[in-house]
Amino acid sequence: MPGGWVAVFVLCLLLAGAVYVAYEGWTAHSGDVELPGWGYALLGVGVIFGLVIGCGLMALAFYSSRSGHDERTVFKQQEDRDGEDRH
């Protein structure tokens, strides 16, 4: 299908544009300031921590929906409580 390839091409263009804008934003205002090694290390730890938290929360959401915790509660009323309600 040509429509699928067009969609993939457009998405690749959007990704390339986002990477370009991110690079320009990262380097435009920094001047001659360099990020030290520990800064890159902390940035990496933050990215890894964010990915772990995000993946964990998505896994919990999928587990919850698959195990039936997200279904509506159905209350069943008793038809007659051993004749207590009738007079």
PDB file of N, CA and C in Angstrom:
ATOM      1  N   MET A   1       0.839  -1.192   0.000  1.00  0.00           N
ATOM      2  CA  MET A   1       0.000   0.000   0.000  1.00  0.00           C
ATOM      3  C   MET A   1       0.879   1.248   0.000  1.00  0.00           C
ATOM      4  N   PRO A   2       0.669   2.144  -0.917  1.00  0.00           N
ATOM      5  CA  PRO A   2       1.491   3.361  -0.963  1.00  0.00           C
ATOM      6  C   PRO A   2       1.196   4.297   0.202  1.00  0.00           C
ATOM      7  N   GLY A   3      -0.011   4.256   0.749  1.00  0.00           N
ATOM      8  CA  GLY A   3      -0.339   5.143   1.863  1.00  0.00           C
ATOM      9  C   GLY A   3       0.476   4.834   3.106  1.00  0.00           C
ATOM     10  N   GLY A   4       0.792   3.563   3.308  1.00  0.00           N
ATOM     11  CA  GLY A   4       1.597   3.173   4.458  1.00  0.00           C
ATOM     12  C   GLY A   4       3.022   3.700   4.364  1.00  0.00           C
ATOM     13  N   TRP A   5       3.588   3.617   3.156  1.00  0.00           N
ATOM     14  CA  TRP A   5       4.947   4.116   2.951  1.00  0.00           C
ATOM     15  C   TRP A   5       5.005   5.634   3.075  1.00  0.00           C
ATOM     16  N   VAL A   6       3.958   6.296   2.640  1.00  0.00           N
ATOM     17  CA  VAL A   6       3.903   7.755   2.782  1.00  0.00           C
ATOM     18  C   VAL A   6       3.863   8.126   4.257  1.00  0.00           C
ATOM     19  N   ALA A   7       3.086   7.388   5.040  1.00  0.00           N
ATOM     20  CA  ALA A   7       3.003   7.659   6.472  1.00  0.00           C
ATOM     21  C   ALA A   7       4.350   7.433   7.145  1.00  0.00           C
ATOM     22  N   VAL A   8       5.038   6.353   6.777  1.00  0.00           N
ATOM     23  CA  VAL A   8       6.365   6.076   7.349  1.00  0.00           C
ATOM     24  C   VAL A   8       7.342   7.179   6.959  1.00  0.00           C
ATOM     25  N   PHE A   9       7.298   7.628   5.717  1.00  0.00           N
ATOM     26  CA  PHE A   9       8.186   8.692   5.255  1.00  0.00           C
ATOM     27  C   PHE A   9       7.921   9.993   6.018  1.00  0.00           C
ATOM     28  N   VAL A  10       6.656  10.341   6.199  1.00  0.00           N
ATOM     29  CA  VAL A  10       6.309  11.567   6.924  1.00  0.00           C
ATOM     30  C   VAL A  10       6.754  11.464   8.375  1.00  0.00           C
ATOM     31  N   LEU A  11       6.563  10.305   8.992  1.00  0.00           N
ATOM     32  CA  LEU A  11       6.999  10.134  10.380  1.00  0.00           C
ATOM     33  C   LEU A  11       8.521  10.222  10.511  1.00  0.00           C
ATOM     34  N   CYS A  12       9.251   9.688   9.524  1.00  0.00           N
ATOM     35  CA  CYS A  12      10.714   9.806   9.537  1.00  0.00           C
ATOM     36  C   CYS A  12      11.146  11.261   9.386  1.00  0.00           C
ATOM     37  N   LEU A  13      10.450  12.011   8.539  1.00  0.00           N
ATOM     38  CA  LEU A  13      10.756  13.442   8.410  1.00  0.00           C
ATOM     39  C   LEU A  13      10.492  14.186   9.722  1.00  0.00           C
ATOM     40  N   LEU A  14       9.382  13.856  10.376  1.00  0.00           N
ATOM     41  CA  LEU A  14       9.087  14.486  11.665  1.00  0.00           C
ATOM     42  C   LEU A  14      10.137  14.138  12.715  1.00  0.00           C
ATOM     43  N   LEU A  15      10.596  12.887  12.731  1.00  0.00           N
ATOM     44  CA  LEU A  15      11.645  12.480  13.665  1.00  0.00           C
ATOM     45  C   LEU A  15      12.945  13.226  13.383  1.00  0.00           C
ATOM     46  N   ALA A  16      13.310  13.326  12.110  1.00  0.00           N
ATOM     47  CA  ALA A  16      14.537  14.049  11.753  1.00  0.00           C
ATOM     48  C   ALA A  16      14.429  15.520  12.147  1.00  0.00           C
ATOM     49  N   GLY A  17      13.272  16.126  11.929  1.00  0.00           N
ATOM     50  CA  GLY A  17      13.083  17.517  12.337  1.00  0.00           C
ATOM     51  C   GLY A  17      13.159  17.690  13.845  1.00  0.00           C
ATOM     52  N   ALA A  18      12.591  16.754  14.590  1.00  0.00           N
ATOM     53  CA  ALA A  18      12.641  16.841  16.046  1.00  0.00           C
ATOM     54  C   ALA A  18      14.069  16.688  16.560  1.00  0.00           C
ATOM     55  N   VAL A  19      14.839  15.777  15.942  1.00  0.00           N
ATOM     56  CA  VAL A  19      16.242  15.597  16.345  1.00  0.00           C
ATOM     57  C   VAL A  19      17.042  16.851  16.031  1.00  0.00           C
ATOM     58  N   TYR A  20      16.801  17.462  14.874  1.00  0.00           N
ATOM     59  CA  TYR A  20      17.513  18.687  14.501  1.00  0.00           C
ATOM     60  C   TYR A  20      17.197  19.826  15.479  1.00  0.00           C
ATOM     61  N   VAL A  21      15.919  20.002  15.783  1.00  0.00           N
ATOM     62  CA  VAL A  21      15.527  21.071  16.702  1.00  0.00           C
ATOM     63  C   VAL A  21      16.093  20.814  18.096  1.00  0.00           C
ATOM     64  N   ALA A  22      16.109  19.555  18.537  1.00  0.00           N
ATOM     65  CA  ALA A  22      16.676  19.230  19.850  1.00  0.00           C
ATOM     66  C   ALA A  22      18.178  19.530  19.875  1.00  0.00           C
ATOM     67  N   TYR A  23      18.880  19.178  18.804  1.00  0.00           N
ATOM     68  CA  TYR A  23      20.312  19.457  18.747  1.00  0.00           C
ATOM     69  C   TYR A  23      20.586  20.955  18.757  1.00  0.00           C
ATOM     70  N   GLU A  24      19.840  21.696  17.958  1.00  0.00           N
ATOM     71  CA  GLU A  24      20.026  23.150  17.915  1.00  0.00           C
ATOM     72  C   GLU A  24      19.695  23.783  19.266  1.00  0.00           C
ATOM     73  N   GLY A  25      18.658  23.322  19.904  1.00  0.00           N
ATOM     74  CA  GLY A  25      18.309  23.851  21.224  1.00  0.00           C
ATOM     75  C   GLY A  25      19.349  23.512  22.269  1.00  0.00           C
ATOM     76  N   TRP A  26      19.969  22.338  22.138  1.00  0.00           N
ATOM     77  CA  TRP A  26      20.983  21.903  23.103  1.00  0.00           C
ATOM     78  C   TRP A  26      22.257  22.737  22.960  1.00  0.00           C
ATOM     79  N   THR A  27      22.606  23.084  21.717  1.00  0.00           N
ATOM     80  CA  THR A  27      23.897  23.743  21.492  1.00  0.00           C
ATOM     81  C   THR A  27      23.788  25.248  21.265  1.00  0.00           C
ATOM     82  N   ALA A  28      22.614  25.795  21.063  1.00  0.00           N
ATOM     83  CA  ALA A  28      22.490  27.198  20.663  1.00  0.00           C
ATOM     84  C   ALA A  28      22.924  28.157  21.762  1.00  0.00           C
ATOM     85  N   HIS A  29      22.534  27.917  22.981  1.00  0.00           N
ATOM     86  CA  HIS A  29      22.788  28.872  24.056  1.00  0.00           C
ATOM     87  C   HIS A  29      23.912  28.444  24.981  1.00  0.00           C
ATOM     88  N   SER A  30      24.601  27.368  24.652  1.00  0.00           N
ATOM     89  CA  SER A  30      25.629  26.892  25.564  1.00  0.00           C
ATOM     90  C   SER A  30      26.943  27.641  25.393  1.00  0.00           C
ATOM     91  N   GLY A  31      27.197  28.180  24.242  1.00  0.00           N
ATOM     92  CA  GLY A  31      28.462  28.881  24.016  1.00  0.00           C
ATOM     93  C   GLY A  31      29.624  27.921  24.119  1.00  0.00           C
ATOM     94  N   ASP A  32      30.610  28.288  24.946  1.00  0.00           N
ATOM     95  CA  ASP A  32      31.781  27.426  25.134  1.00  0.00           C
ATOM     96  C   ASP A  32      31.675  26.593  26.399  1.00  0.00           C
ATOM     97  N   VAL A  33      30.509  26.528  26.993  1.00  0.00           N
ATOM     98  CA  VAL A  33      30.343  25.777  28.235  1.00  0.00           C
ATOM     99  C   VAL A  33      30.218  24.295  27.907  1.00  0.00           C
ATOM    100  N   GLU A  34      31.030  23.482  28.558  1.00  0.00           N
ATOM    101  CA  GLU A  34      30.986  22.036  28.372  1.00  0.00           C
ATOM    102  C   GLU A  34      30.374  21.389  29.606  1.00  0.00           C
ATOM    103  N   LEU A  35      29.589  20.367  29.395  1.00  0.00           N
ATOM    104  CA  LEU A  35      29.010  19.603  30.495  1.00  0.00           C
ATOM    105  C   LEU A  35      30.060  18.608  30.965  1.00  0.00           C
ATOM    106  N   PRO A  36      30.355  18.596  32.268  1.00  0.00           N
ATOM    107  CA  PRO A  36      31.376  17.655  32.756  1.00  0.00           C
ATOM    108  C   PRO A  36      30.882  16.209  32.670  1.00  0.00           C
ATOM    109  N   GLY A  37      31.808  15.293  32.875  1.00  0.00           N
ATOM    110  CA  GLY A  37      31.476  13.873  32.784  1.00  0.00           C
ATOM    111  C   GLY A  37      30.405  13.441  33.765  1.00  0.00           C
ATOM    112  N   TRP A  38      30.467  13.980  34.977  1.00  0.00           N
ATOM    113  CA  TRP A  38      29.458  13.602  35.974  1.00  0.00           C
ATOM    114  C   TRP A  38      28.084  14.154  35.589  1.00  0.00           C
ATOM    115  N   GLY A  39      28.055  15.243  34.834  1.00  0.00           N
ATOM    116  CA  GLY A  39      26.777  15.781  34.362  1.00  0.00           C
ATOM    117  C   GLY A  39      26.117  14.849  33.361  1.00  0.00           C
ATOM    118  N   TYR A  40      26.930  14.303  32.437  1.00  0.00           N
ATOM    119  CA  TYR A  40      26.396  13.326  31.495  1.00  0.00           C
ATOM    120  C   TYR A  40      25.958  12.050  32.217  1.00  0.00           C
ATOM    121  N   ALA A  41      26.723  11.659  33.237  1.00  0.00           N
ATOM    122  CA  ALA A  41      26.364  10.461  34.002  1.00  0.00           C
ATOM    123  C   ALA A  41      25.021  10.656  34.707  1.00  0.00           C
ATOM    124  N   LEU A  42      24.837  11.810  35.331  1.00  0.00           N
ATOM    125  CA  LEU A  42      23.572  12.075  36.007  1.00  0.00           C
ATOM    126  C   LEU A  42      22.418  12.198  35.012  1.00  0.00           C
ATOM    127  N   LEU A  43      22.689  12.762  33.863  1.00  0.00           N
ATOM    128  CA  LEU A  43      21.672  12.839  32.822  1.00  0.00           C
ATOM    129  C   LEU A  43      21.260  11.436  32.372  1.00  0.00           C
ATOM    130  N   GLY A  44      22.227  10.555  32.208  1.00  0.00           N
ATOM    131  CA  GLY A  44      21.935   9.166  31.844  1.00  0.00           C
ATOM    132  C   GLY A  44      21.152   8.443  32.921  1.00  0.00           C
ATOM    133  N   VAL A  45      21.519   8.662  34.201  1.00  0.00           N
ATOM    134  CA  VAL A  45      20.777   8.038  35.311  1.00  0.00           C
ATOM    135  C   VAL A  45      19.335   8.531  35.319  1.00  0.00           C
ATOM    136  N   GLY A  46      19.132   9.807  35.062  1.00  0.00           N
ATOM    137  CA  GLY A  46      17.776  10.345  35.028  1.00  0.00           C
ATOM    138  C   GLY A  46      16.953   9.759  33.896  1.00  0.00           C
ATOM    139  N   VAL A  47      17.572   9.584  32.734  1.00  0.00           N
ATOM    140  CA  VAL A  47      16.863   8.993  31.597  1.00  0.00           C
ATOM    141  C   VAL A  47      16.508   7.543  31.892  1.00  0.00           C
ATOM    142  N   ILE A  48      17.460   6.786  32.426  1.00  0.00           N
ATOM    143  CA  ILE A  48      17.206   5.376  32.754  1.00  0.00           C
ATOM    144  C   ILE A  48      16.121   5.274  33.818  1.00  0.00           C
ATOM    145  N   PHE A  49      16.203   6.107  34.849  1.00  0.00           N
ATOM    146  CA  PHE A  49      15.197   6.093  35.914  1.00  0.00           C
ATOM    147  C   PHE A  49      13.813   6.420  35.350  1.00  0.00           C
ATOM    148  N   GLY A  50      13.728   7.394  34.495  1.00  0.00           N
ATOM    149  CA  GLY A  50      12.450   7.749  33.883  1.00  0.00           C
ATOM    150  C   GLY A  50      11.884   6.624  33.030  1.00  0.00           C
ATOM    151  N   LEU A  51      12.746   5.953  32.268  1.00  0.00           N
ATOM    152  CA  LEU A  51      12.289   4.825  31.455  1.00  0.00           C
ATOM    153  C   LEU A  51      11.812   3.666  32.318  1.00  0.00           C
ATOM    154  N   VAL A  52      12.533   3.376  33.403  1.00  0.00           N
ATOM    155  CA  VAL A  52      12.128   2.288  34.297  1.00  0.00           C
ATOM    156  C   VAL A  52      10.785   2.592  34.936  1.00  0.00           C
ATOM    157  N   ILE A  53      10.607   3.817  35.424  1.00  0.00           N
ATOM    158  CA  ILE A  53       9.335   4.195  36.047  1.00  0.00           C
ATOM    159  C   ILE A  53       8.206   4.151  35.006  1.00  0.00           C
ATOM    160  N   GLY A  54       8.436   4.691  33.828  1.00  0.00           N
ATOM    161  CA  GLY A  54       7.411   4.688  32.790  1.00  0.00           C
ATOM    162  C   GLY A  54       7.032   3.280  32.348  1.00  0.00           C
ATOM    163  N   CYS A  55       8.028   2.428  32.129  1.00  0.00           N
ATOM    164  CA  CYS A  55       7.736   1.046  31.722  1.00  0.00           C
ATOM    165  C   CYS A  55       7.039   0.289  32.839  1.00  0.00           C
ATOM    166  N   GLY A  56       7.446   0.524  34.077  1.00  0.00           N
ATOM    167  CA  GLY A  56       6.795  -0.138  35.201  1.00  0.00           C
ATOM    168  C   GLY A  56       5.343   0.264  35.338  1.00  0.00           C
ATOM    169  N   LEU A  57       5.047   1.539  35.188  1.00  0.00           N
ATOM    170  CA  LEU A  57       3.659   1.995  35.291  1.00  0.00           C
ATOM    171  C   LEU A  57       2.813   1.469  34.134  1.00  0.00           C
ATOM    172  N   MET A  58       3.381   1.412  32.935  1.00  0.00           N
ATOM    173  CA  MET A  58       2.636   0.842  31.816  1.00  0.00           C
ATOM    174  C   MET A  58       2.387  -0.650  32.025  1.00  0.00           C
ATOM    175  N   ALA A  59       3.369  -1.364  32.572  1.00  0.00           N
ATOM    176  CA  ALA A  59       3.180  -2.785  32.856  1.00  0.00           C
ATOM    177  C   ALA A  59       2.078  -2.980  33.886  1.00  0.00           C
ATOM    178  N   LEU A  60       2.042  -2.135  34.914  1.00  0.00           N
ATOM    179  CA  LEU A  60       0.974  -2.230  35.905  1.00  0.00           C
ATOM    180  C   LEU A  60      -0.389  -1.918  35.299  1.00  0.00           C
ATOM    181  N   ALA A  61      -0.448  -0.961  34.400  1.00  0.00           N
ATOM    182  CA  ALA A  61      -1.722  -0.638  33.751  1.00  0.00           C
ATOM    183  C   ALA A  61      -2.215  -1.808  32.902  1.00  0.00           C
ATOM    184  N   PHE A  62      -1.316  -2.443  32.138  1.00  0.00           N
ATOM    185  CA  PHE A  62      -1.716  -3.593  31.340  1.00  0.00           C
ATOM    186  C   PHE A  62      -2.110  -4.769  32.224  1.00  0.00           C
ATOM    187  N   TYR A  63      -1.364  -5.004  33.299  1.00  0.00           N
ATOM    188  CA  TYR A  63      -1.697  -6.098  34.216  1.00  0.00           C
ATOM    189  C   TYR A  63      -3.063  -5.865  34.843  1.00  0.00           C
ATOM    190  N   SER A  64      -3.329  -4.633  35.250  1.00  0.00           N
ATOM    191  CA  SER A  64      -4.599  -4.307  35.878  1.00  0.00           C
ATOM    192  C   SER A  64      -5.763  -4.513  34.918  1.00  0.00           C
ATOM    193  N   SER A  65      -5.597  -4.104  33.667  1.00  0.00           N
ATOM    194  CA  SER A  65      -6.696  -4.248  32.715  1.00  0.00           C
ATOM    195  C   SER A  65      -6.902  -5.712  32.318  1.00  0.00           C
ATOM    196  N   ARG A  66      -5.851  -6.495  32.277  1.00  0.00           N
ATOM    197  CA  ARG A  66      -5.971  -7.905  31.894  1.00  0.00           C
ATOM    198  C   ARG A  66      -6.515  -8.771  33.029  1.00  0.00           C
ATOM    199  N   SER A  67      -6.291  -8.366  34.284  1.00  0.00           N
ATOM    200  CA  SER A  67      -6.708  -9.206  35.406  1.00  0.00           C
ATOM    201  C   SER A  67      -8.116  -8.893  35.884  1.00  0.00           C
ATOM    202  N   GLY A  68      -8.781  -7.915  35.278  1.00  0.00           N
ATOM    203  CA  GLY A  68     -10.168  -7.641  35.612  1.00  0.00           C
ATOM    204  C   GLY A  68     -10.370  -6.603  36.692  1.00  0.00           C
ATOM    205  N   HIS A  69      -9.324  -5.936  37.114  1.00  0.00           N
ATOM    206  CA  HIS A  69      -9.469  -4.920  38.162  1.00  0.00           C
ATOM    207  C   HIS A  69     -10.145  -3.657  37.657  1.00  0.00           C
ATOM    208  N   ASP A  70     -10.207  -3.457  36.350  1.00  0.00           N
ATOM    209  CA  ASP A  70     -10.783  -2.238  35.796  1.00  0.00           C
ATOM    210  C   ASP A  70     -12.232  -2.385  35.343  1.00  0.00           C
ATOM    211  N   GLU A  71     -12.811  -3.551  35.590  1.00  0.00           N
ATOM    212  CA  GLU A  71     -14.193  -3.767  35.163  1.00  0.00           C
ATOM    213  C   GLU A  71     -15.160  -3.142  36.159  1.00  0.00           C
ATOM    214  N   ARG A  72     -16.354  -2.849  35.674  1.00  0.00           N
ATOM    215  CA  ARG A  72     -17.382  -2.268  36.534  1.00  0.00           C
ATOM    216  C   ARG A  72     -17.846  -3.280  37.562  1.00  0.00           C
ATOM    217  N   THR A  73     -18.175  -2.790  38.729  1.00  0.00           N
ATOM    218  CA  THR A  73     -18.682  -3.640  39.782  1.00  0.00           C
ATOM    219  C   THR A  73     -20.180  -3.834  39.585  1.00  0.00           C
ATOM    220  N   VAL A  74     -20.617  -5.062  39.654  1.00  0.00           N
ATOM    221  CA  VAL A  74     -22.029  -5.379  39.489  1.00  0.00           C
ATOM    222  C   VAL A  74     -22.554  -5.873  40.824  1.00  0.00           C
ATOM    223  N   PHE A  75     -23.555  -5.186  41.352  1.00  0.00           N
ATOM    224  CA  PHE A  75     -24.170  -5.583  42.610  1.00  0.00           C
ATOM    225  C   PHE A  75     -25.408  -6.405  42.311  1.00  0.00           C
ATOM    226  N   LYS A  76     -25.508  -7.561  42.927  1.00  0.00           N
ATOM    227  CA  LYS A  76     -26.690  -8.394  42.763  1.00  0.00           C
ATOM    228  C   LYS A  76     -27.545  -8.256  44.022  1.00  0.00           C
ATOM    229  N   GLN A  77     -28.796  -7.935  43.812  1.00  0.00           N
ATOM    230  CA  GLN A  77     -29.704  -7.812  44.945  1.00  0.00           C
ATOM    231  C   GLN A  77     -30.380  -9.146  45.181  1.00  0.00           C
ATOM    232  N   GLN A  78     -30.574  -9.425  46.420  1.00  0.00           N
ATOM    233  CA  GLN A  78     -31.280 -10.656  46.754  1.00  0.00           C
ATOM    234  C   GLN A  78     -32.759 -10.473  46.469  1.00  0.00           C
ATOM    235  N   GLU A  79     -33.357 -11.484  45.858  1.00  0.00           N
ATOM    236  CA  GLU A  79     -34.773 -11.399  45.504  1.00  0.00           C
ATOM    237  C   GLU A  79     -35.641 -11.331  46.759  1.00  0.00           C
ATOM    238  N   ASP A  80     -35.426 -12.220  47.646  1.00  0.00           N
ATOM    239  CA  ASP A  80     -36.239 -12.277  48.854  1.00  0.00           C
ATOM    240  C   ASP A  80     -35.340 -12.734  49.984  1.00  0.00           C
ATOM    241  N   ARG A  81     -35.216 -11.965  51.014  1.00  0.00           N
ATOM    242  CA  ARG A  81     -34.328 -12.305  52.125  1.00  0.00           C
ATOM    243  C   ARG A  81     -35.059 -13.199  53.126  1.00  0.00           C
ATOM    244  N   ASP A  82     -35.299 -14.373  52.719  1.00  0.00           N
ATOM    245  CA  ASP A  82     -35.961 -15.378  53.563  1.00  0.00           C
ATOM    246  C   ASP A  82     -37.287 -14.886  54.099  1.00  0.00           C
ATOM    247  N   GLY A  83     -37.969 -14.080  53.370  1.00  0.00           N
ATOM    248  CA  GLY A  83     -39.300 -13.637  53.760  1.00  0.00           C
ATOM    249  C   GLY A  83     -39.324 -12.557  54.832  1.00  0.00           C
ATOM    250  N   GLU A  84     -38.177 -11.941  55.132  1.00  0.00           N
ATOM    251  CA  GLU A  84     -38.121 -10.924  56.186  1.00  0.00           C
ATOM    252  C   GLU A  84     -38.780  -9.624  55.753  1.00  0.00           C
ATOM    253  N   ASP A  85     -38.712  -9.282  54.471  1.00  0.00           N
ATOM    254  CA  ASP A  85     -39.227  -8.004  54.010  1.00  0.00           C
ATOM    255  C   ASP A  85     -40.737  -8.017  53.768  1.00  0.00           C
ATOM    256  N   ARG A  86     -41.341  -9.179  53.703  1.00  0.00           N
ATOM    257  CA  ARG A  86     -42.775  -9.246  53.430  1.00  0.00           C
ATOM    258  C   ARG A  86     -43.564  -9.245  54.729  1.00  0.00           C
ATOM    259  N   HIS A  87     -44.667  -8.532  54.736  1.00  0.00           N
ATOM    260  CA  HIS A  87     -45.550  -8.514  55.908  1.00  0.00           C
ATOM    261  C   HIS A  87     -46.953  -8.701  55.474  1.00  0.00           C
TER     262      HIS A  87
END
